[in-house]
Amino acid sequence: MYLLNCSFLAVLLSVGHVFSTSSADHGDQLKVWFNPQEYTFTLGETVNLTLHADASVTSNFSVRFSVANGSFVRIVPEYLRINEYDSLYGNSTMLQATGFRAGRFFVKGYVDPEYSVDDRRLFARLKIALNRYLIYFSLLVGWAYTACWSIGDYPQIIMNHRKKSVVGLSFDFLYMNIVGNLCYLSFNVFMYWSKHVEEEYFHRHPFGLNPVIGNDVGYAMHALFASVITLLQCYIFDNGGNSISTFARVIIAAYVLTILTAFVLVTFTVLHWLDFLYVLSYIKLSTNLIKYFPQAYINYKRQSTEGFAIMNRLLDLAGGLLSIFQMIINAWNFDDLDSILGSPVKFALGFVSIVFDLVFITQHFYLYRKPVKVSIFKSETVEKNKS
């Protein structure tokens, strides 16, 4: 774990400049964009799309607005003439959009003369819902599953503190959980705050929006904090002779080697910083797939779940089911089945987590209801000393 922390510290110190540097832009060109770039409203409702510029207009140009599947969305006006010295800078120009069908639509502005202004971000995404109340209900469901996942970290911490013991917890699970959360936090922090990384993302996805919002950063910080506190308890309270296994050490060493290799490749410009962050995200995904196996195995080997807070898994299961419920609500309300079918990795990871939650619940309430008196870790240590 010390090697992992040193590696991350070295990488973070080396990439600190990405917060202040930015990719090459379009020189002194006037930049025109929609702000915000995503709008959510209901069928038949009209919303204002706000057009911004970062400087005074120095030459005449026009903008024509087009919508994919335009027959279902009306933009007024469809054509906008901007004259020299028009006061776009510090002001905003409003367009109106009206939706006649539920779904997700894309508005793009086309400038004439071409390349006369920087219009790379001159687009907006429209999310048109069937029912406004379902939008609010979906938000409530989202806050509910976030609360479940966040609160779920504390039953284990509280149990450890009350018993002054962490016997029954898998160190492999805890270490891999910290690795995953550290990668997740790093990804979110750099994606959210680094203009350089954001511009790399926009260059690769010209019509994309930054996938990370402030809530993601806060959630990742909290997840790492809770997992670090739990691991510290393992070295403060009685752990029954438990320790991290050789198998987990090998996996974590492979993660560290992967991170350092990606960092070197970025340093020599073989990869971009965005690719480095993607490597961190893949590590996070892989830890989610394997971190539960050690805890399930320890429960099986001890024939007990004593020392393992089942409330953690009950809250995780509730959060997972609520997350799927929200996906179903949004898919119906926005007439967008692709929002479920188009994210197979996210859906698969959620499914794996739910399956393990059910495994732990079965172990706790059905298979191993009788408490164990002696820790297997202590007994194994005694046998080794005798030999």
Protein backbone atom coordinates (compact mmCIF):
# COMPACT_ATOMS: atom_id res chain seq x y z
CA MET A 1 0.00 0.00 0.00
CA TYR A 2 2.95 2.30 0.72
CA LEU A 3 4.20 1.74 -2.85
CA LEU A 4 0.77 2.61 -4.22
CA ASN A 5 0.59 5.85 -2.21
CA CYS A 6 4.10 6.89 -3.28
CA SER A 7 3.29 6.15 -6.92
CA PHE A 8 0.11 8.19 -6.82
CA LEU A 9 1.87 11.05 -5.03
CA ALA A 10 4.60 11.15 -7.66
CA VAL A 11 2.07 11.09 -10.49
CA LEU A 12 -0.15 13.77 -8.95
CA LEU A 13 2.80 16.07 -8.29
CA SER A 14 4.00 15.61 -11.86
CA VAL A 15 0.63 16.31 -13.45
CA GLY A 16 -0.26 19.31 -11.33
CA HIS A 17 0.36 21.59 -14.26
CA VAL A 18 -2.63 20.18 -16.15
CA PHE A 19 -4.89 22.27 -13.90
CA SER A 20 -3.38 25.49 -15.18
CA THR A 21 -2.36 24.66 -18.76
CA SER A 22 -4.71 24.33 -21.69
CA SER A 23 -4.57 22.89 -25.15
CA ALA A 24 -3.98 25.02 -28.17
CA ASP A 25 -7.12 26.96 -29.01
CA HIS A 26 -8.22 28.87 -32.08
CA GLY A 27 -6.06 31.90 -31.40
CA ASP A 28 -7.90 35.20 -30.95
CA GLN A 29 -11.06 34.04 -32.70
CA LEU A 30 -14.38 35.09 -31.25
CA LYS A 31 -15.87 32.14 -29.37
CA VAL A 32 -19.63 31.60 -29.50
CA TRP A 33 -21.42 28.90 -27.51
CA PHE A 34 -24.62 27.88 -25.75
CA ASN A 35 -24.61 28.16 -21.97
CA PRO A 36 -25.85 25.89 -20.55
CA GLN A 37 -25.39 23.21 -23.18
CA GLU A 38 -28.05 20.86 -21.86
CA TYR A 39 -31.74 21.63 -21.33
CA THR A 40 -34.46 19.45 -19.81
CA PHE A 41 -38.12 20.30 -20.36
CA THR A 42 -41.44 18.67 -21.15
CA LEU A 43 -43.45 17.95 -24.25
CA GLY A 44 -45.02 21.11 -25.71
CA GLU A 45 -43.04 23.41 -23.40
CA THR A 46 -40.88 26.24 -24.78
CA VAL A 47 -37.44 26.98 -23.30
CA ASN A 48 -34.90 29.71 -23.95
CA LEU A 49 -31.53 28.67 -25.37
CA THR A 50 -28.88 31.20 -24.33
CA LEU A 51 -26.16 32.19 -26.78
CA HIS A 52 -22.93 33.70 -25.40
CA ALA A 53 -19.73 35.18 -26.82
CA ASP A 54 -16.37 35.82 -25.14
CA ALA A 55 -15.55 39.13 -26.87
CA SER A 56 -17.05 41.94 -28.92
CA VAL A 57 -18.04 41.14 -32.50
CA THR A 58 -15.53 42.55 -34.98
CA SER A 59 -16.98 41.22 -38.24
CA ASN A 60 -20.36 40.25 -39.66
CA PHE A 61 -21.44 36.62 -39.62
CA SER A 62 -24.63 34.58 -39.56
CA VAL A 63 -25.69 31.42 -37.76
CA ARG A 64 -28.14 28.80 -39.01
CA PHE A 65 -29.54 26.43 -36.40
CA SER A 66 -30.40 22.85 -37.23
CA VAL A 67 -31.89 19.99 -35.19
CA ALA A 68 -31.49 16.27 -35.80
CA ASN A 69 -35.04 14.97 -36.38
CA GLY A 70 -35.94 18.63 -36.71
CA SER A 71 -39.60 17.96 -37.38
CA PHE A 72 -40.05 17.21 -33.67
CA VAL A 73 -38.33 20.38 -32.37
CA ARG A 74 -38.93 23.97 -33.47
CA ILE A 75 -36.17 26.57 -33.09
CA VAL A 76 -37.06 30.26 -33.28
CA PRO A 77 -35.33 31.97 -34.96
CA GLU A 78 -33.72 29.38 -37.22
CA TYR A 79 -31.39 32.01 -38.67
CA LEU A 80 -29.49 34.70 -36.78
CA ARG A 81 -27.53 37.58 -38.26
CA ILE A 82 -24.74 39.01 -36.09
CA ASN A 83 -23.40 42.38 -37.18
CA GLU A 84 -20.11 44.01 -36.35
CA TYR A 85 -20.09 45.67 -32.90
CA ASP A 86 -23.26 43.85 -31.79
CA SER A 87 -23.17 43.61 -28.01
CA LEU A 88 -22.94 39.83 -27.59
CA TYR A 89 -20.04 40.17 -25.16
CA GLY A 90 -21.31 40.40 -21.60
CA ASN A 91 -24.87 39.90 -22.86
CA SER A 92 -26.84 36.94 -24.08
CA THR A 93 -29.01 36.23 -27.08
CA MET A 94 -32.07 34.05 -26.62
CA LEU A 95 -33.45 31.45 -28.95
CA GLN A 96 -36.59 29.46 -28.22
CA ALA A 97 -36.97 25.71 -28.55
CA THR A 98 -40.29 23.84 -28.44
CA GLY A 99 -40.51 20.04 -28.38
CA PHE A 100 -43.31 18.04 -29.98
CA ARG A 101 -42.02 14.58 -29.12
CA ALA A 102 -40.31 13.04 -26.10
CA GLY A 103 -36.69 12.11 -26.62
CA ARG A 104 -33.16 13.45 -26.78
CA PHE A 105 -32.34 15.96 -29.53
CA PHE A 106 -29.29 17.86 -30.66
CA VAL A 107 -29.18 21.51 -31.77
CA LYS A 108 -26.15 22.67 -33.79
CA GLY A 109 -25.29 26.13 -35.02
CA TYR A 110 -23.57 26.50 -38.41
CA VAL A 111 -21.62 29.73 -38.93
CA ASP A 112 -21.24 31.54 -42.24
CA PRO A 113 -18.55 32.44 -43.29
CA GLU A 114 -17.14 29.13 -42.11
CA TYR A 115 -14.28 29.37 -39.60
CA SER A 116 -14.91 33.08 -39.08
CA VAL A 117 -15.59 32.39 -35.37
CA ASP A 118 -14.80 29.51 -33.02
CA ASP A 119 -18.07 27.59 -32.99
CA ARG A 120 -16.81 24.26 -31.66
CA ARG A 121 -19.11 24.47 -28.61
CA LEU A 122 -22.05 26.02 -30.46
CA PHE A 123 -24.45 23.16 -29.77
CA ALA A 124 -27.04 22.18 -27.18
CA ARG A 125 -28.59 18.94 -26.04
CA LEU A 126 -32.34 18.86 -25.47
CA LYS A 127 -33.97 16.29 -23.20
CA ILE A 128 -37.73 16.36 -23.70
CA ALA A 129 -39.82 14.47 -21.17
CA LEU A 130 -43.37 13.21 -21.23
CA ASN A 131 -44.10 14.23 -17.63
CA ARG A 132 -42.53 16.96 -15.49
CA TYR A 133 -43.37 15.23 -12.22
CA LEU A 134 -41.44 12.16 -13.31
CA ILE A 135 -38.37 14.39 -13.76
CA TYR A 136 -38.63 15.45 -10.11
CA PHE A 137 -39.36 11.90 -9.01
CA SER A 138 -36.30 10.66 -10.87
CA LEU A 139 -34.15 13.27 -9.09
CA LEU A 140 -35.51 12.10 -5.73
CA VAL A 141 -34.70 8.50 -6.61
CA GLY A 142 -31.19 9.63 -7.58
CA TRP A 143 -30.65 11.35 -4.24
CA ALA A 144 -32.07 8.29 -2.48
CA TYR A 145 -29.63 5.79 -4.00
CA THR A 146 -26.72 8.20 -3.47
CA ALA A 147 -27.71 8.43 0.20
CA CYS A 148 -27.93 4.63 0.46
CA TRP A 149 -24.47 4.18 -1.03
CA SER A 150 -22.97 6.93 1.14
CA ILE A 151 -24.60 5.95 4.44
CA GLY A 152 -23.78 2.32 3.71
CA ASP A 153 -20.12 2.92 4.54
CA TYR A 154 -20.84 3.67 8.19
CA PRO A 155 -22.47 0.52 9.68
CA GLN A 156 -19.13 -1.29 9.30
CA ILE A 157 -17.17 1.60 10.81
CA ILE A 158 -19.60 1.84 13.75
CA MET A 159 -19.55 -1.94 14.33
CA ASN A 160 -15.75 -2.00 14.32
CA HIS A 161 -15.63 0.85 16.84
CA ARG A 162 -18.17 -0.74 19.19
CA LYS A 163 -16.55 -4.18 19.15
CA LYS A 164 -12.96 -2.86 19.04
CA SER A 165 -12.41 -5.61 16.52
CA VAL A 166 -12.30 -6.09 12.75
CA VAL A 167 -12.24 -9.87 12.84
CA GLY A 168 -14.37 -11.09 9.96
CA LEU A 169 -13.35 -8.39 7.48
CA SER A 170 -11.28 -9.19 4.42
CA PHE A 171 -8.14 -7.06 4.14
CA ASP A 172 -8.01 -7.92 0.43
CA PHE A 173 -11.44 -6.35 -0.04
CA LEU A 174 -10.44 -3.22 1.88
CA TYR A 175 -7.16 -2.67 0.03
CA MET A 176 -8.67 -3.20 -3.41
CA ASN A 177 -11.56 -0.93 -2.45
CA ILE A 178 -9.10 1.84 -1.57
CA VAL A 179 -7.22 1.37 -4.84
CA GLY A 180 -10.48 1.63 -6.77
CA ASN A 181 -11.70 4.67 -4.86
CA LEU A 182 -8.33 6.42 -5.22
CA CYS A 183 -8.42 5.89 -8.99
CA TYR A 184 -12.05 7.02 -9.11
CA LEU A 185 -11.31 10.21 -7.17
CA SER A 186 -8.28 11.02 -9.35
CA PHE A 187 -10.34 10.56 -12.51
CA ASN A 188 -13.13 12.82 -11.25
CA VAL A 189 -10.85 15.55 -9.88
CA PHE A 190 -8.84 15.93 -13.08
CA MET A 191 -11.85 15.63 -15.38
CA TYR A 192 -13.75 18.24 -13.38
CA TRP A 193 -11.06 20.84 -12.65
CA SER A 194 -8.43 20.53 -15.37
CA LYS A 195 -9.12 22.69 -18.42
CA HIS A 196 -6.35 20.85 -20.27
CA VAL A 197 -8.02 17.46 -19.76
CA GLU A 198 -11.46 18.89 -20.54
CA GLU A 199 -10.21 20.31 -23.84
CA GLU A 200 -8.64 16.95 -24.70
CA TYR A 201 -12.02 15.35 -24.02
CA PHE A 202 -13.85 17.90 -26.18
CA HIS A 203 -11.32 17.43 -28.98
CA ARG A 204 -11.96 13.68 -28.93
CA HIS A 205 -15.72 14.08 -28.42
CA PRO A 206 -16.61 17.32 -30.25
CA PHE A 207 -20.27 17.20 -29.24
CA GLY A 208 -19.75 15.74 -25.79
CA LEU A 209 -20.24 17.31 -22.37
CA ASN A 210 -17.92 16.85 -19.43
CA PRO A 211 -19.09 13.55 -17.87
CA VAL A 212 -18.08 14.63 -14.35
CA ILE A 213 -20.08 17.05 -12.20
CA GLY A 214 -19.37 18.44 -8.74
CA ASN A 215 -21.50 15.78 -7.03
CA ASP A 216 -19.28 13.07 -8.53
CA VAL A 217 -16.18 14.64 -6.99
CA GLY A 218 -17.86 14.92 -3.58
CA TYR A 219 -19.11 11.33 -3.70
CA ALA A 220 -15.64 10.04 -4.66
CA MET A 221 -13.99 12.00 -1.83
CA HIS A 222 -16.45 10.57 0.67
CA ALA A 223 -15.99 7.00 -0.62
CA LEU A 224 -12.20 7.24 -0.27
CA PHE A 225 -12.49 8.81 3.19
CA ALA A 226 -14.77 6.03 4.46
CA SER A 227 -12.61 3.24 3.04
CA VAL A 228 -9.42 4.75 4.55
CA ILE A 229 -11.10 5.04 7.97
CA THR A 230 -12.16 1.39 7.79
CA LEU A 231 -8.65 0.26 6.87
CA LEU A 232 -7.10 2.31 9.69
CA GLN A 233 -9.42 0.54 12.12
CA CYS A 234 -7.86 -2.75 10.99
CA TYR A 235 -4.54 -1.64 12.47
CA ILE A 236 -6.01 -0.07 15.61
CA PHE A 237 -8.45 -2.78 16.71
CA ASP A 238 -8.05 -6.54 17.08
CA ASN A 239 -7.77 -8.10 13.62
CA GLY A 240 -7.41 -11.74 14.64
CA GLY A 241 -4.12 -12.13 12.79
CA ASN A 242 -5.64 -11.22 9.45
CA SER A 243 -3.54 -9.55 6.76
CA ILE A 244 -3.54 -8.86 3.05
CA SER A 245 -2.96 -11.99 0.96
CA THR A 246 -0.15 -12.58 -1.53
CA PHE A 247 -2.73 -12.77 -4.31
CA ALA A 248 -4.06 -9.30 -3.49
CA ARG A 249 -0.50 -7.93 -3.24
CA VAL A 250 0.23 -9.22 -6.75
CA ILE A 251 -2.95 -7.64 -8.13
CA ILE A 252 -2.23 -4.28 -6.48
CA ALA A 253 1.39 -4.40 -7.70
CA ALA A 254 0.04 -5.00 -11.23
CA TYR A 255 -2.21 -1.95 -10.83
CA VAL A 256 0.73 0.19 -9.70
CA LEU A 257 2.85 -1.03 -12.62
CA THR A 258 0.02 -0.25 -15.03
CA ILE A 259 -0.37 3.28 -13.62
CA LEU A 260 3.37 3.98 -13.78
CA THR A 261 3.60 2.60 -17.32
CA ALA A 262 0.72 4.80 -18.46
CA PHE A 263 2.34 7.79 -16.75
CA VAL A 264 5.65 7.18 -18.57
CA LEU A 265 3.83 6.85 -21.90
CA VAL A 266 2.09 10.18 -21.26
CA THR A 267 5.40 11.80 -20.32
CA PHE A 268 6.84 10.74 -23.68
CA THR A 269 3.62 11.88 -25.45
CA VAL A 270 2.74 8.36 -26.57
CA LEU A 271 -0.56 8.76 -24.72
CA HIS A 272 -2.61 11.81 -23.73
CA TRP A 273 -3.58 12.73 -20.19
CA LEU A 274 -7.13 11.75 -21.03
CA ASP A 275 -5.89 8.25 -21.83
CA PHE A 276 -4.11 8.16 -18.46
CA LEU A 277 -7.39 8.97 -16.73
CA TYR A 278 -9.14 6.26 -18.73
CA VAL A 279 -6.54 3.79 -17.42
CA LEU A 280 -7.47 4.84 -13.87
CA SER A 281 -11.16 4.36 -14.67
CA TYR A 282 -10.50 0.84 -16.03
CA ILE A 283 -8.66 -0.04 -12.82
CA LYS A 284 -11.65 1.21 -10.83
CA LEU A 285 -13.98 -0.96 -12.92
CA SER A 286 -11.78 -4.02 -12.47
CA THR A 287 -11.64 -3.59 -8.68
CA ASN A 288 -15.44 -3.49 -8.64
CA LEU A 289 -15.49 -6.86 -10.41
CA ILE A 290 -13.07 -8.71 -8.12
CA LYS A 291 -13.07 -7.01 -4.70
CA TYR A 292 -16.09 -8.91 -3.35
CA PHE A 293 -14.66 -12.41 -3.88
CA PRO A 294 -12.24 -12.29 -0.89
CA GLN A 295 -14.97 -11.28 1.56
CA ALA A 296 -17.34 -13.95 0.29
CA TYR A 297 -14.53 -16.53 0.60
CA ILE A 298 -13.68 -15.50 4.18
CA ASN A 299 -17.35 -15.80 5.16
CA TYR A 300 -17.39 -19.29 3.62
CA LYS A 301 -14.13 -20.34 5.28
CA ARG A 302 -15.25 -19.11 8.70
CA GLN A 303 -18.79 -20.39 8.15
CA SER A 304 -19.88 -17.07 9.66
CA THR A 305 -20.52 -13.44 8.80
CA GLU A 306 -19.82 -12.23 12.35
CA GLY A 307 -17.84 -8.99 12.20
CA PHE A 308 -19.19 -8.16 8.74
CA ALA A 309 -21.91 -5.47 8.82
CA ILE A 310 -24.74 -6.82 6.71
CA MET A 311 -26.48 -3.43 6.81
CA ASN A 312 -23.74 -2.23 4.45
CA ARG A 313 -24.87 -4.74 1.82
CA LEU A 314 -28.57 -4.11 2.43
CA LEU A 315 -28.05 -0.40 1.75
CA ASP A 316 -25.88 -1.19 -1.27
CA LEU A 317 -28.59 -3.48 -2.63
CA ALA A 318 -31.23 -0.79 -2.07
CA GLY A 319 -29.03 1.74 -3.86
CA GLY A 320 -28.43 -0.59 -6.79
CA LEU A 321 -32.12 -1.38 -7.23
CA LEU A 322 -33.03 2.31 -6.99
CA SER A 323 -30.38 3.13 -9.61
CA ILE A 324 -31.89 0.60 -12.03
CA PHE A 325 -35.36 1.95 -11.19
CA GLN A 326 -34.19 5.46 -12.10
CA MET A 327 -32.82 4.19 -15.42
CA ILE A 328 -36.20 2.63 -16.22
CA ILE A 329 -38.07 5.83 -15.25
CA ASN A 330 -35.85 7.97 -17.46
CA ALA A 331 -35.98 5.51 -20.36
CA TRP A 332 -39.80 5.75 -20.37
CA ASN A 333 -40.09 9.47 -19.60
CA PHE A 334 -37.61 10.49 -22.30
CA ASP A 335 -38.60 7.71 -24.73
CA ASP A 336 -34.98 6.60 -24.70
CA LEU A 337 -34.43 2.87 -24.33
CA ASP A 338 -30.83 3.36 -25.51
CA SER A 339 -30.02 4.97 -22.15
CA ILE A 340 -30.21 1.41 -20.75
CA LEU A 341 -29.10 -0.69 -23.69
CA GLY A 342 -26.39 1.83 -24.62
CA SER A 343 -24.50 1.39 -21.31
CA PRO A 344 -23.87 -2.37 -21.05
CA VAL A 345 -20.70 -1.96 -18.93
CA LYS A 346 -22.44 0.23 -16.36
CA PHE A 347 -25.41 -2.13 -16.26
CA ALA A 348 -23.17 -5.21 -15.94
CA LEU A 349 -21.18 -3.69 -13.06
CA GLY A 350 -24.39 -2.82 -11.24
CA PHE A 351 -25.63 -6.35 -11.82
CA VAL A 352 -22.40 -7.87 -10.40
CA SER A 353 -22.71 -5.71 -7.28
CA ILE A 354 -26.34 -6.77 -6.75
CA VAL A 355 -25.43 -10.45 -7.21
CA PHE A 356 -22.77 -10.22 -4.50
CA ASP A 357 -25.14 -8.32 -2.23
CA LEU A 358 -27.54 -11.25 -2.55
CA VAL A 359 -24.68 -13.70 -1.86
CA PHE A 360 -23.74 -11.86 1.35
CA ILE A 361 -27.38 -11.63 2.44
CA THR A 362 -27.82 -15.37 1.85
CA GLN A 363 -24.67 -16.13 3.84
CA HIS A 364 -25.76 -13.90 6.73
CA PHE A 365 -29.43 -14.76 7.08
CA TYR A 366 -29.50 -18.37 5.87
CA LEU A 367 -26.19 -20.22 5.60
CA TYR A 368 -24.18 -18.94 8.58
CA ARG A 369 -26.64 -17.76 11.19
CA LYS A 370 -24.71 -19.22 14.13
CA PRO A 371 -21.85 -17.01 15.39
CA VAL A 372 -18.27 -18.30 15.35
CA LYS A 373 -16.30 -18.34 18.60
CA VAL A 374 -12.69 -18.55 17.37
CA SER A 375 -11.13 -16.60 14.52
CA ILE A 376 -9.69 -18.72 11.74
CA PHE A 377 -6.87 -16.22 11.47
CA LYS A 378 -5.79 -16.82 15.08
CA SER A 379 -6.06 -20.58 14.72
CA GLU A 380 -4.00 -20.55 11.55
CA THR A 381 -1.34 -18.40 13.26
CA VAL A 382 -1.15 -20.85 16.18
CA GLU A 383 -0.72 -23.81 13.84
CA LYS A 384 2.10 -22.03 12.01
CA ASN A 385 3.88 -21.27 15.31
CA LYS A 386 3.61 -24.92 16.43
CA SER A 387 5.12 -26.13 13.21
